[in-house]
């Protein structure tokens, strides 16, 4: 018998709640989760591909930072040395997926 799959529609609320339900609610702020949800929803639409909701995998694949400079520094950006006149945000965008949200916050795909 083939494997049968039941699908549910994930709302922004259920997306955020899924992180709480599996004990990962402290990994991202609510603002970051809303931005990540919007990004993934657009990705599904743009690629015509359904994504599977896996909060643990998302926590492994993505990290939240209060600003691009902090994120870039964690991944080796050295202003004025390796940056080639790129801002921290440009440096990150040339290396990975970056989701900007709220004031200066960013979520980056770990690389």
PDB file of N, CA and C in Angstrom:
ATOM      1  N   UNK A   1       0.850  -1.178   0.000  1.00  0.00           N
ATOM      2  CA  UNK A   1       0.000   0.000   0.000  1.00  0.00           C
ATOM      3  C   UNK A   1       0.893   1.238   0.000  1.00  0.00           C
ATOM      4  N   UNK A   2       0.653   2.177  -0.900  1.00  0.00           N
ATOM      5  CA  UNK A   2       1.484   3.385  -0.954  1.00  0.00           C
ATOM      6  C   UNK A   2       1.273   4.248   0.291  1.00  0.00           C
ATOM      7  N   UNK A   3       2.274   5.025   0.591  1.00  0.00           N
ATOM      8  CA  UNK A   3       2.182   5.926   1.732  1.00  0.00           C
ATOM      9  C   UNK A   3       1.196   7.027   1.399  1.00  0.00           C
ATOM     10  N   UNK A   4       0.285   7.266   2.304  1.00  0.00           N
ATOM     11  CA  UNK A   4      -0.687   8.331   2.113  1.00  0.00           C
ATOM     12  C   UNK A   4      -0.282   9.519   2.977  1.00  0.00           C
ATOM     13  N   UNK A   5      -0.443  10.678   2.419  1.00  0.00           N
ATOM     14  CA  UNK A   5      -0.043  11.887   3.115  1.00  0.00           C
ATOM     15  C   UNK A   5      -1.249  12.797   3.253  1.00  0.00           C
ATOM     16  N   UNK A   6      -1.462  13.276   4.462  1.00  0.00           N
ATOM     17  CA  UNK A   6      -2.506  14.255   4.701  1.00  0.00           C
ATOM     18  C   UNK A   6      -1.827  15.608   4.860  1.00  0.00           C
ATOM     19  N   UNK A   7      -2.346  16.598   4.200  1.00  0.00           N
ATOM     20  CA  UNK A   7      -1.764  17.930   4.258  1.00  0.00           C
ATOM     21  C   UNK A   7      -2.692  18.864   5.012  1.00  0.00           C
ATOM     22  N   UNK A   8      -2.088  19.816   5.710  1.00  0.00           N
ATOM     23  CA  UNK A   8      -2.874  20.852   6.357  1.00  0.00           C
ATOM     24  C   UNK A   8      -2.361  22.208   5.882  1.00  0.00           C
ATOM     25  N   UNK A   9      -3.225  23.164   5.923  1.00  0.00           N
ATOM     26  CA  UNK A   9      -2.836  24.524   5.578  1.00  0.00           C
ATOM     27  C   UNK A   9      -2.248  25.154   6.827  1.00  0.00           C
ATOM     28  N   UNK A  10      -1.056  25.695   6.701  1.00  0.00           N
ATOM     29  CA  UNK A  10      -0.376  26.309   7.831  1.00  0.00           C
ATOM     30  C   UNK A  10      -0.597  27.814   7.771  1.00  0.00           C
ATOM     31  N   UNK A  11      -1.220  28.328   8.807  1.00  0.00           N
ATOM     32  CA  UNK A  11      -1.410  29.769   8.917  1.00  0.00           C
ATOM     33  C   UNK A  11      -0.211  30.371   9.645  1.00  0.00           C
ATOM     34  N   UNK A  12      -0.132  31.671   9.634  1.00  0.00           N
ATOM     35  CA  UNK A  12       0.953  32.330  10.358  1.00  0.00           C
ATOM     36  C   UNK A  12       0.902  31.951  11.842  1.00  0.00           C
ATOM     37  N   UNK A  13      -0.283  31.912  12.415  1.00  0.00           N
ATOM     38  CA  UNK A  13      -0.426  31.536  13.821  1.00  0.00           C
ATOM     39  C   UNK A  13       0.046  30.108  14.072  1.00  0.00           C
ATOM     40  N   UNK A  14      -0.386  29.160  13.245  1.00  0.00           N
ATOM     41  CA  UNK A  14       0.007  27.759  13.466  1.00  0.00           C
ATOM     42  C   UNK A  14       1.499  27.567  13.214  1.00  0.00           C
ATOM     43  N   UNK A  15       2.076  28.351  12.302  1.00  0.00           N
ATOM     44  CA  UNK A  15       3.519  28.302  12.066  1.00  0.00           C
ATOM     45  C   UNK A  15       4.263  28.706  13.331  1.00  0.00           C
ATOM     46  N   UNK A  16       3.910  29.857  13.893  1.00  0.00           N
ATOM     47  CA  UNK A  16       4.554  30.334  15.118  1.00  0.00           C
ATOM     48  C   UNK A  16       4.317  29.344  16.259  1.00  0.00           C
ATOM     49  N   UNK A  17       3.099  28.849  16.391  1.00  0.00           N
ATOM     50  CA  UNK A  17       2.769  27.919  17.472  1.00  0.00           C
ATOM     51  C   UNK A  17       3.516  26.600  17.345  1.00  0.00           C
ATOM     52  N   UNK A  18       3.857  26.184  16.128  1.00  0.00           N
ATOM     53  CA  UNK A  18       4.576  24.914  15.950  1.00  0.00           C
ATOM     54  C   UNK A  18       5.959  24.965  16.602  1.00  0.00           C
ATOM     55  N   UNK A  19       6.564  26.131  16.675  1.00  0.00           N
ATOM     56  CA  UNK A  19       7.861  26.273  17.342  1.00  0.00           C
ATOM     57  C   UNK A  19       7.700  26.110  18.854  1.00  0.00           C
ATOM     58  N   UNK A  20       6.614  26.667  19.395  1.00  0.00           N
ATOM     59  CA  UNK A  20       6.331  26.495  20.818  1.00  0.00           C
ATOM     60  C   UNK A  20       6.044  25.032  21.129  1.00  0.00           C
ATOM     61  N   UNK A  21       5.273  24.406  20.286  1.00  0.00           N
ATOM     62  CA  UNK A  21       4.851  23.029  20.528  1.00  0.00           C
ATOM     63  C   UNK A  21       6.021  22.055  20.581  1.00  0.00           C
ATOM     64  N   UNK A  22       7.095  22.351  19.879  1.00  0.00           N
ATOM     65  CA  UNK A  22       8.245  21.432  19.905  1.00  0.00           C
ATOM     66  C   UNK A  22       9.410  21.978  20.742  1.00  0.00           C
ATOM     67  N   UNK A  23       9.124  22.987  21.581  1.00  0.00           N
ATOM     68  CA  UNK A  23      10.126  23.488  22.500  1.00  0.00           C
ATOM     69  C   UNK A  23      11.176  24.386  21.869  1.00  0.00           C
ATOM     70  N   UNK A  24      10.877  24.960  20.721  1.00  0.00           N
ATOM     71  CA  UNK A  24      11.831  25.829  20.019  1.00  0.00           C
ATOM     72  C   UNK A  24      11.375  27.284  19.995  1.00  0.00           C
ATOM     73  N   UNK A  25      10.504  27.664  20.908  1.00  0.00           N
ATOM     74  CA  UNK A  25       9.950  29.012  20.879  1.00  0.00           C
ATOM     75  C   UNK A  25      10.943  30.097  21.281  1.00  0.00           C
ATOM     76  N   UNK A  26      12.089  29.730  21.813  1.00  0.00           N
ATOM     77  CA  UNK A  26      13.078  30.747  22.178  1.00  0.00           C
ATOM     78  C   UNK A  26      14.144  30.938  21.092  1.00  0.00           C
ATOM     79  N   UNK A  27      14.069  30.176  20.020  1.00  0.00           N
ATOM     80  CA  UNK A  27      15.085  30.272  18.970  1.00  0.00           C
ATOM     81  C   UNK A  27      14.930  31.539  18.126  1.00  0.00           C
ATOM     82  N   UNK A  28      13.697  31.968  17.901  1.00  0.00           N
ATOM     83  CA  UNK A  28      13.406  33.162  17.113  1.00  0.00           C
ATOM     84  C   UNK A  28      12.436  34.043  17.884  1.00  0.00           C
ATOM     85  N   UNK A  29      12.522  35.347  17.663  1.00  0.00           N
ATOM     86  CA  UNK A  29      11.502  36.247  18.182  1.00  0.00           C
ATOM     87  C   UNK A  29      10.245  36.086  17.333  1.00  0.00           C
ATOM     88  N   UNK A  30       9.127  36.593  17.832  1.00  0.00           N
ATOM     89  CA  UNK A  30       7.894  36.511  17.041  1.00  0.00           C
ATOM     90  C   UNK A  30       8.044  37.285  15.740  1.00  0.00           C
ATOM     91  N   UNK A  31       8.696  38.446  15.794  1.00  0.00           N
ATOM     92  CA  UNK A  31       8.882  39.234  14.566  1.00  0.00           C
ATOM     93  C   UNK A  31       9.674  38.450  13.529  1.00  0.00           C
ATOM     94  N   UNK A  32      10.688  37.728  13.978  1.00  0.00           N
ATOM     95  CA  UNK A  32      11.495  36.919  13.056  1.00  0.00           C
ATOM     96  C   UNK A  32      10.673  35.769  12.493  1.00  0.00           C
ATOM     97  N   UNK A  33       9.853  35.138  13.319  1.00  0.00           N
ATOM     98  CA  UNK A  33       9.017  34.037  12.831  1.00  0.00           C
ATOM     99  C   UNK A  33       8.013  34.518  11.796  1.00  0.00           C
ATOM    100  N   UNK A  34       7.443  35.697  12.012  1.00  0.00           N
ATOM    101  CA  UNK A  34       6.518  36.245  11.014  1.00  0.00           C
ATOM    102  C   UNK A  34       7.240  36.490   9.696  1.00  0.00           C
ATOM    103  N   UNK A  35       8.452  37.022   9.773  1.00  0.00           N
ATOM    104  CA  UNK A  35       9.235  37.287   8.556  1.00  0.00           C
ATOM    105  C   UNK A  35       9.623  35.981   7.867  1.00  0.00           C
ATOM    106  N   UNK A  36       9.999  34.981   8.640  1.00  0.00           N
ATOM    107  CA  UNK A  36      10.365  33.682   8.068  1.00  0.00           C
ATOM    108  C   UNK A  36       9.154  33.032   7.407  1.00  0.00           C
ATOM    109  N   UNK A  37       8.003  33.111   8.054  1.00  0.00           N
ATOM    110  CA  UNK A  37       6.773  32.576   7.473  1.00  0.00           C
ATOM    111  C   UNK A  37       6.480  33.240   6.132  1.00  0.00           C
ATOM    112  N   UNK A  38       6.561  34.571   6.091  1.00  0.00           N
ATOM    113  CA  UNK A  38       6.294  35.300   4.839  1.00  0.00           C
ATOM    114  C   UNK A  38       7.284  34.886   3.744  1.00  0.00           C
ATOM    115  N   UNK A  39       8.547  34.747   4.119  1.00  0.00           N
ATOM    116  CA  UNK A  39       9.583  34.335   3.156  1.00  0.00           C
ATOM    117  C   UNK A  39       9.275  32.946   2.596  1.00  0.00           C
ATOM    118  N   UNK A  40       8.955  32.009   3.473  1.00  0.00           N
ATOM    119  CA  UNK A  40       8.689  30.638   3.029  1.00  0.00           C
ATOM    120  C   UNK A  40       7.411  30.554   2.199  1.00  0.00           C
ATOM    121  N   UNK A  41       6.428  31.348   2.559  1.00  0.00           N
ATOM    122  CA  UNK A  41       5.186  31.385   1.782  1.00  0.00           C
ATOM    123  C   UNK A  41       5.456  31.912   0.366  1.00  0.00           C
ATOM    124  N   UNK A  42       6.251  32.982   0.256  1.00  0.00           N
ATOM    125  CA  UNK A  42       6.620  33.510  -1.070  1.00  0.00           C
ATOM    126  C   UNK A  42       7.447  32.494  -1.848  1.00  0.00           C
ATOM    127  N   UNK A  43       8.347  31.795  -1.149  1.00  0.00           N
ATOM    128  CA  UNK A  43       9.171  30.778  -1.799  1.00  0.00           C
ATOM    129  C   UNK A  43       8.296  29.686  -2.403  1.00  0.00           C
ATOM    130  N   UNK A  44       7.288  29.245  -1.658  1.00  0.00           N
ATOM    131  CA  UNK A  44       6.360  28.244  -2.193  1.00  0.00           C
ATOM    132  C   UNK A  44       5.666  28.754  -3.451  1.00  0.00           C
ATOM    133  N   UNK A  45       5.204  29.987  -3.396  1.00  0.00           N
ATOM    134  CA  UNK A  45       4.505  30.561  -4.545  1.00  0.00           C
ATOM    135  C   UNK A  45       5.436  30.731  -5.744  1.00  0.00           C
ATOM    136  N   UNK A  46       6.638  31.226  -5.499  1.00  0.00           N
ATOM    137  CA  UNK A  46       7.590  31.487  -6.582  1.00  0.00           C
ATOM    138  C   UNK A  46       8.089  30.218  -7.255  1.00  0.00           C
ATOM    139  N   UNK A  47       8.221  29.153  -6.481  1.00  0.00           N
ATOM    140  CA  UNK A  47       8.768  27.912  -7.024  1.00  0.00           C
ATOM    141  C   UNK A  47       7.709  26.863  -7.320  1.00  0.00           C
ATOM    142  N   UNK A  48       6.460  27.192  -6.986  1.00  0.00           N
ATOM    143  CA  UNK A  48       5.350  26.247  -7.158  1.00  0.00           C
ATOM    144  C   UNK A  48       5.676  24.899  -6.516  1.00  0.00           C
ATOM    145  N   UNK A  49       6.233  24.980  -5.290  1.00  0.00           N
ATOM    146  CA  UNK A  49       6.632  23.790  -4.540  1.00  0.00           C
ATOM    147  C   UNK A  49       6.065  23.876  -3.136  1.00  0.00           C
ATOM    148  N   UNK A  50       5.484  22.788  -2.670  1.00  0.00           N
ATOM    149  CA  UNK A  50       4.989  22.754  -1.299  1.00  0.00           C
ATOM    150  C   UNK A  50       6.140  22.417  -0.359  1.00  0.00           C
ATOM    151  N   UNK A  51       6.244  23.175   0.717  1.00  0.00           N
ATOM    152  CA  UNK A  51       7.284  22.933   1.712  1.00  0.00           C
ATOM    153  C   UNK A  51       6.705  22.189   2.897  1.00  0.00           C
ATOM    154  N   UNK A  52       7.543  21.441   3.558  1.00  0.00           N
ATOM    155  CA  UNK A  52       7.147  20.728   4.765  1.00  0.00           C
ATOM    156  C   UNK A  52       7.542  21.566   5.967  1.00  0.00           C
ATOM    157  N   UNK A  53       6.635  21.705   6.916  1.00  0.00           N
ATOM    158  CA  UNK A  53       6.924  22.466   8.125  1.00  0.00           C
ATOM    159  C   UNK A  53       7.711  21.588   9.096  1.00  0.00           C
ATOM    160  N   UNK A  54       8.943  21.975   9.350  1.00  0.00           N
ATOM    161  CA  UNK A  54       9.820  21.266  10.276  1.00  0.00           C
ATOM    162  C   UNK A  54      10.557  22.308  11.119  1.00  0.00           C
ATOM    163  N   UNK A  55       9.986  22.715  12.256  1.00  0.00           N
ATOM    164  CA  UNK A  55      10.599  23.754  13.069  1.00  0.00           C
ATOM    165  C   UNK A  55      12.032  23.441  13.503  1.00  0.00           C
ATOM    166  N   UNK A  56      12.327  22.201  13.803  1.00  0.00           N
ATOM    167  CA  UNK A  56      13.687  21.843  14.224  1.00  0.00           C
ATOM    168  C   UNK A  56      14.675  22.084  13.080  1.00  0.00           C
ATOM    169  N   UNK A  57      14.321  21.673  11.880  1.00  0.00           N
ATOM    170  CA  UNK A  57      15.193  21.902  10.725  1.00  0.00           C
ATOM    171  C   UNK A  57      15.353  23.390  10.450  1.00  0.00           C
ATOM    172  N   UNK A  58      14.270  24.156  10.583  1.00  0.00           N
ATOM    173  CA  UNK A  58      14.366  25.595  10.365  1.00  0.00           C
ATOM    174  C   UNK A  58      15.297  26.245  11.391  1.00  0.00           C
ATOM    175  N   UNK A  59      15.269  25.760  12.619  1.00  0.00           N
ATOM    176  CA  UNK A  59      16.178  26.283  13.651  1.00  0.00           C
ATOM    177  C   UNK A  59      17.628  25.938  13.331  1.00  0.00           C
ATOM    178  N   UNK A  60      17.857  24.822  12.681  1.00  0.00           N
ATOM    179  CA  UNK A  60      19.218  24.435  12.298  1.00  0.00           C
ATOM    180  C   UNK A  60      19.686  25.215  11.069  1.00  0.00           C
ATOM    181  N   UNK A  61      18.764  25.500  10.171  1.00  0.00           N
ATOM    182  CA  UNK A  61      19.111  26.129   8.892  1.00  0.00           C
ATOM    183  C   UNK A  61      19.188  27.648   8.941  1.00  0.00           C
ATOM    184  N   UNK A  62      18.512  28.268   9.888  1.00  0.00           N
ATOM    185  CA  UNK A  62      18.397  29.724   9.941  1.00  0.00           C
ATOM    186  C   UNK A  62      18.789  30.251  11.316  1.00  0.00           C
ATOM    187  N   UNK A  63      19.354  31.450  11.352  1.00  0.00           N
ATOM    188  CA  UNK A  63      19.703  32.117  12.612  1.00  0.00           C
ATOM    189  C   UNK A  63      19.240  33.564  12.564  1.00  0.00           C
ATOM    190  N   UNK A  64      18.807  34.046  13.703  1.00  0.00           N
ATOM    191  CA  UNK A  64      18.343  35.430  13.817  1.00  0.00           C
ATOM    192  C   UNK A  64      19.423  36.284  14.468  1.00  0.00           C
ATOM    193  N   UNK A  65      19.563  37.493  13.961  1.00  0.00           N
ATOM    194  CA  UNK A  65      20.508  38.467  14.520  1.00  0.00           C
ATOM    195  C   UNK A  65      19.818  39.819  14.628  1.00  0.00           C
ATOM    196  N   UNK A  66      20.269  40.617  15.576  1.00  0.00           N
ATOM    197  CA  UNK A  66      19.672  41.938  15.774  1.00  0.00           C
ATOM    198  C   UNK A  66      20.061  42.921  14.682  1.00  0.00           C
ATOM    199  N   UNK A  67      21.163  42.622  13.963  1.00  0.00           N
ATOM    200  CA  UNK A  67      21.576  43.493  12.869  1.00  0.00           C
ATOM    201  C   UNK A  67      22.523  42.734  11.936  1.00  0.00           C
ATOM    202  N   UNK A  68      22.679  43.208  10.710  1.00  0.00           N
ATOM    203  CA  UNK A  68      23.540  42.518   9.745  1.00  0.00           C
ATOM    204  C   UNK A  68      25.005  42.443  10.168  1.00  0.00           C
ATOM    205  N   UNK A  69      25.505  43.459  10.864  1.00  0.00           N
ATOM    206  CA  UNK A  69      26.914  43.457  11.272  1.00  0.00           C
ATOM    207  C   UNK A  69      27.213  42.300  12.218  1.00  0.00           C
ATOM    208  N   UNK A  70      26.298  42.026  13.143  1.00  0.00           N
ATOM    209  CA  UNK A  70      26.498  40.915  14.083  1.00  0.00           C
ATOM    210  C   UNK A  70      26.481  39.582  13.344  1.00  0.00           C
ATOM    211  N   UNK A  71      25.569  39.442  12.401  1.00  0.00           N
ATOM    212  CA  UNK A  71      25.497  38.205  11.625  1.00  0.00           C
ATOM    213  C   UNK A  71      26.752  38.004  10.792  1.00  0.00           C
ATOM    214  N   UNK A  72      27.176  39.050  10.096  1.00  0.00           N
ATOM    215  CA  UNK A  72      28.355  38.955   9.234  1.00  0.00           C
ATOM    216  C   UNK A  72      29.602  38.641  10.055  1.00  0.00           C
ATOM    217  N   UNK A  73      29.726  39.256  11.225  1.00  0.00           N
ATOM    218  CA  UNK A  73      30.897  39.008  12.079  1.00  0.00           C
ATOM    219  C   UNK A  73      30.959  37.541  12.499  1.00  0.00           C
ATOM    220  N   UNK A  74      29.806  36.934  12.796  1.00  0.00           N
ATOM    221  CA  UNK A  74      29.782  35.515  13.182  1.00  0.00           C
ATOM    222  C   UNK A  74      30.241  34.592  12.059  1.00  0.00           C
ATOM    223  N   UNK A  75      30.150  35.071  10.815  1.00  0.00           N
ATOM    224  CA  UNK A  75      30.509  34.236   9.680  1.00  0.00           C
ATOM    225  C   UNK A  75      31.782  34.689   8.978  1.00  0.00           C
ATOM    226  N   UNK A  76      32.573  35.529   9.659  1.00  0.00           N
ATOM    227  CA  UNK A  76      33.895  35.833   9.147  1.00  0.00           C
ATOM    228  C   UNK A  76      34.091  37.169   8.479  1.00  0.00           C
ATOM    229  N   UNK A  77      33.086  38.001   8.447  1.00  0.00           N
ATOM    230  CA  UNK A  77      33.220  39.330   7.834  1.00  0.00           C
ATOM    231  C   UNK A  77      34.179  40.172   8.666  1.00  0.00           C
ATOM    232  N   UNK A  78      35.145  40.751   8.009  1.00  0.00           N
ATOM    233  CA  UNK A  78      36.079  41.657   8.675  1.00  0.00           C
ATOM    234  C   UNK A  78      36.057  42.974   7.926  1.00  0.00           C
ATOM    235  N   UNK A  79      35.399  43.936   8.492  1.00  0.00           N
ATOM    236  CA  UNK A  79      35.214  45.237   7.840  1.00  0.00           C
ATOM    237  C   UNK A  79      36.545  45.841   7.432  1.00  0.00           C
ATOM    238  N   UNK A  80      36.648  46.165   6.161  1.00  0.00           N
ATOM    239  CA  UNK A  80      37.849  46.791   5.653  1.00  0.00           C
ATOM    240  C   UNK A  80      38.948  45.825   5.257  1.00  0.00           C
ATOM    241  N   UNK A  81      38.834  44.550   5.639  1.00  0.00           N
ATOM    242  CA  UNK A  81      39.869  43.569   5.310  1.00  0.00           C
ATOM    243  C   UNK A  81      39.399  42.677   4.167  1.00  0.00           C
ATOM    244  N   UNK A  82      38.306  41.962   4.406  1.00  0.00           N
ATOM    245  CA  UNK A  82      37.775  41.037   3.402  1.00  0.00           C
ATOM    246  C   UNK A  82      36.524  41.577   2.714  1.00  0.00           C
ATOM    247  N   UNK A  83      36.076  42.722   3.127  1.00  0.00           N
ATOM    248  CA  UNK A  83      34.754  43.170   2.711  1.00  0.00           C
ATOM    249  C   UNK A  83      34.675  43.709   1.279  1.00  0.00           C
ATOM    250  N   UNK A  84      35.799  44.108   0.692  1.00  0.00           N
ATOM    251  CA  UNK A  84      35.800  44.637  -0.677  1.00  0.00           C
ATOM    252  C   UNK A  84      34.762  45.741  -0.838  1.00  0.00           C
ATOM    253  N   UNK A  85      34.729  46.634   0.115  1.00  0.00           N
ATOM    254  CA  UNK A  85      33.808  47.774   0.131  1.00  0.00           C
ATOM    255  C   UNK A  85      32.340  47.362   0.199  1.00  0.00           C
ATOM    256  N   UNK A  86      32.073  46.173   0.669  1.00  0.00           N
ATOM    257  CA  UNK A  86      30.697  45.731   0.858  1.00  0.00           C
ATOM    258  C   UNK A  86      30.271  46.031   2.300  1.00  0.00           C
ATOM    259  N   UNK A  87      29.049  46.458   2.465  1.00  0.00           N
ATOM    260  CA  UNK A  87      28.492  46.590   3.812  1.00  0.00           C
ATOM    261  C   UNK A  87      28.271  45.185   4.360  1.00  0.00           C
ATOM    262  N   UNK A  88      28.093  45.034   5.666  1.00  0.00           N
ATOM    263  CA  UNK A  88      27.808  43.697   6.205  1.00  0.00           C
ATOM    264  C   UNK A  88      26.591  43.053   5.542  1.00  0.00           C
ATOM    265  N   UNK A  89      25.556  43.844   5.280  1.00  0.00           N
ATOM    266  CA  UNK A  89      24.355  43.301   4.640  1.00  0.00           C
ATOM    267  C   UNK A  89      24.657  42.816   3.228  1.00  0.00           C
ATOM    268  N   UNK A  90      25.364  43.614   2.446  1.00  0.00           N
ATOM    269  CA  UNK A  90      25.730  43.198   1.083  1.00  0.00           C
ATOM    270  C   UNK A  90      26.606  41.953   1.116  1.00  0.00           C
ATOM    271  N   UNK A  91      27.539  41.913   2.041  1.00  0.00           N
ATOM    272  CA  UNK A  91      28.439  40.766   2.179  1.00  0.00           C
ATOM    273  C   UNK A  91      27.632  39.493   2.428  1.00  0.00           C
ATOM    274  N   UNK A  92      26.656  39.574   3.338  1.00  0.00           N
ATOM    275  CA  UNK A  92      25.798  38.414   3.621  1.00  0.00           C
ATOM    276  C   UNK A  92      24.964  38.034   2.404  1.00  0.00           C
ATOM    277  N   UNK A  93      24.368  39.025   1.755  1.00  0.00           N
ATOM    278  CA  UNK A  93      23.502  38.755   0.605  1.00  0.00           C
ATOM    279  C   UNK A  93      24.262  38.111  -0.546  1.00  0.00           C
ATOM    280  N   UNK A  94      25.557  38.342  -0.622  1.00  0.00           N
ATOM    281  CA  UNK A  94      26.366  37.708  -1.666  1.00  0.00           C
ATOM    282  C   UNK A  94      26.770  36.283  -1.306  1.00  0.00           C
ATOM    283  N   UNK A  95      26.434  35.844  -0.103  1.00  0.00           N
ATOM    284  CA  UNK A  95      26.852  34.521   0.345  1.00  0.00           C
ATOM    285  C   UNK A  95      25.722  33.591   0.779  1.00  0.00           C
ATOM    286  N   UNK A  96      24.572  34.155   1.118  1.00  0.00           N
ATOM    287  CA  UNK A  96      23.485  33.331   1.637  1.00  0.00           C
ATOM    288  C   UNK A  96      22.156  34.052   1.477  1.00  0.00           C
ATOM    289  N   UNK A  97      21.088  33.385   1.877  1.00  0.00           N
ATOM    290  CA  UNK A  97      19.767  34.009   1.885  1.00  0.00           C
ATOM    291  C   UNK A  97      19.644  34.867   3.136  1.00  0.00           C
ATOM    292  N   UNK A  98      19.126  36.067   2.965  1.00  0.00           N
ATOM    293  CA  UNK A  98      18.974  37.007   4.068  1.00  0.00           C
ATOM    294  C   UNK A  98      17.536  37.510   4.073  1.00  0.00           C
ATOM    295  N   UNK A  99      16.913  37.455   5.234  1.00  0.00           N
ATOM    296  CA  UNK A  99      15.565  37.986   5.408  1.00  0.00           C
ATOM    297  C   UNK A  99      15.675  39.165   6.363  1.00  0.00           C
ATOM    298  N   UNK A 100      15.339  40.338   5.876  1.00  0.00           N
ATOM    299  CA  UNK A 100      15.349  41.513   6.737  1.00  0.00           C
ATOM    300  C   UNK A 100      13.967  41.685   7.343  1.00  0.00           C
ATOM    301  N   UNK A 101      13.924  42.106   8.602  1.00  0.00           N
ATOM    302  CA  UNK A 101      12.644  42.345   9.245  1.00  0.00           C
ATOM    303  C   UNK A 101      12.781  43.433  10.285  1.00  0.00           C
ATOM    304  N   UNK A 102      11.670  43.913  10.686  1.00  0.00           N
ATOM    305  CA  UNK A 102      11.554  44.929  11.709  1.00  0.00           C
ATOM    306  C   UNK A 102      12.545  46.040  11.468  1.00  0.00           C
ATOM    307  N   UNK A 103      13.212  46.535  12.462  1.00  0.00           N
ATOM    308  CA  UNK A 103      14.115  47.665  12.249  1.00  0.00           C
ATOM    309  C   UNK A 103      15.392  47.208  11.565  1.00  0.00           C
ATOM    310  N   UNK A 104      16.294  46.594  12.263  1.00  0.00           N
ATOM    311  CA  UNK A 104      17.558  46.164  11.698  1.00  0.00           C
ATOM    312  C   UNK A 104      17.728  44.649  11.701  1.00  0.00           C
ATOM    313  N   UNK A 105      16.749  43.930  12.206  1.00  0.00           N
ATOM    314  CA  UNK A 105      16.877  42.491  12.363  1.00  0.00           C
ATOM    315  C   UNK A 105      17.060  41.757  11.056  1.00  0.00           C
ATOM    316  N   UNK A 106      17.804  40.667  11.121  1.00  0.00           N
ATOM    317  CA  UNK A 106      17.981  39.797   9.954  1.00  0.00           C
ATOM    318  C   UNK A 106      17.916  38.344  10.398  1.00  0.00           C
ATOM    319  N   UNK A 107      17.446  37.534   9.491  1.00  0.00           N
ATOM    320  CA  UNK A 107      17.529  36.087   9.638  1.00  0.00           C
ATOM    321  C   UNK A 107      18.371  35.637   8.467  1.00  0.00           C
ATOM    322  N   UNK A 108      19.354  34.823   8.730  1.00  0.00           N
ATOM    323  CA  UNK A 108      20.196  34.350   7.634  1.00  0.00           C
ATOM    324  C   UNK A 108      20.203  32.832   7.594  1.00  0.00           C
ATOM    325  N   UNK A 109      20.289  32.323   6.363  1.00  0.00           N
ATOM    326  CA  UNK A 109      20.454  30.879   6.199  1.00  0.00           C
ATOM    327  C   UNK A 109      21.901  30.585   6.556  1.00  0.00           C
ATOM    328  N   UNK A 110      22.091  29.683   7.507  1.00  0.00           N
ATOM    329  CA  UNK A 110      23.449  29.347   7.951  1.00  0.00           C
ATOM    330  C   UNK A 110      24.254  28.775   6.814  1.00  0.00           C
ATOM    331  N   UNK A 111      25.508  29.188   6.726  1.00  0.00           N
ATOM    332  CA  UNK A 111      26.388  28.696   5.661  1.00  0.00           C
ATOM    333  C   UNK A 111      27.715  28.311   6.222  1.00  0.00           C
TER     334      UNK A 111
END
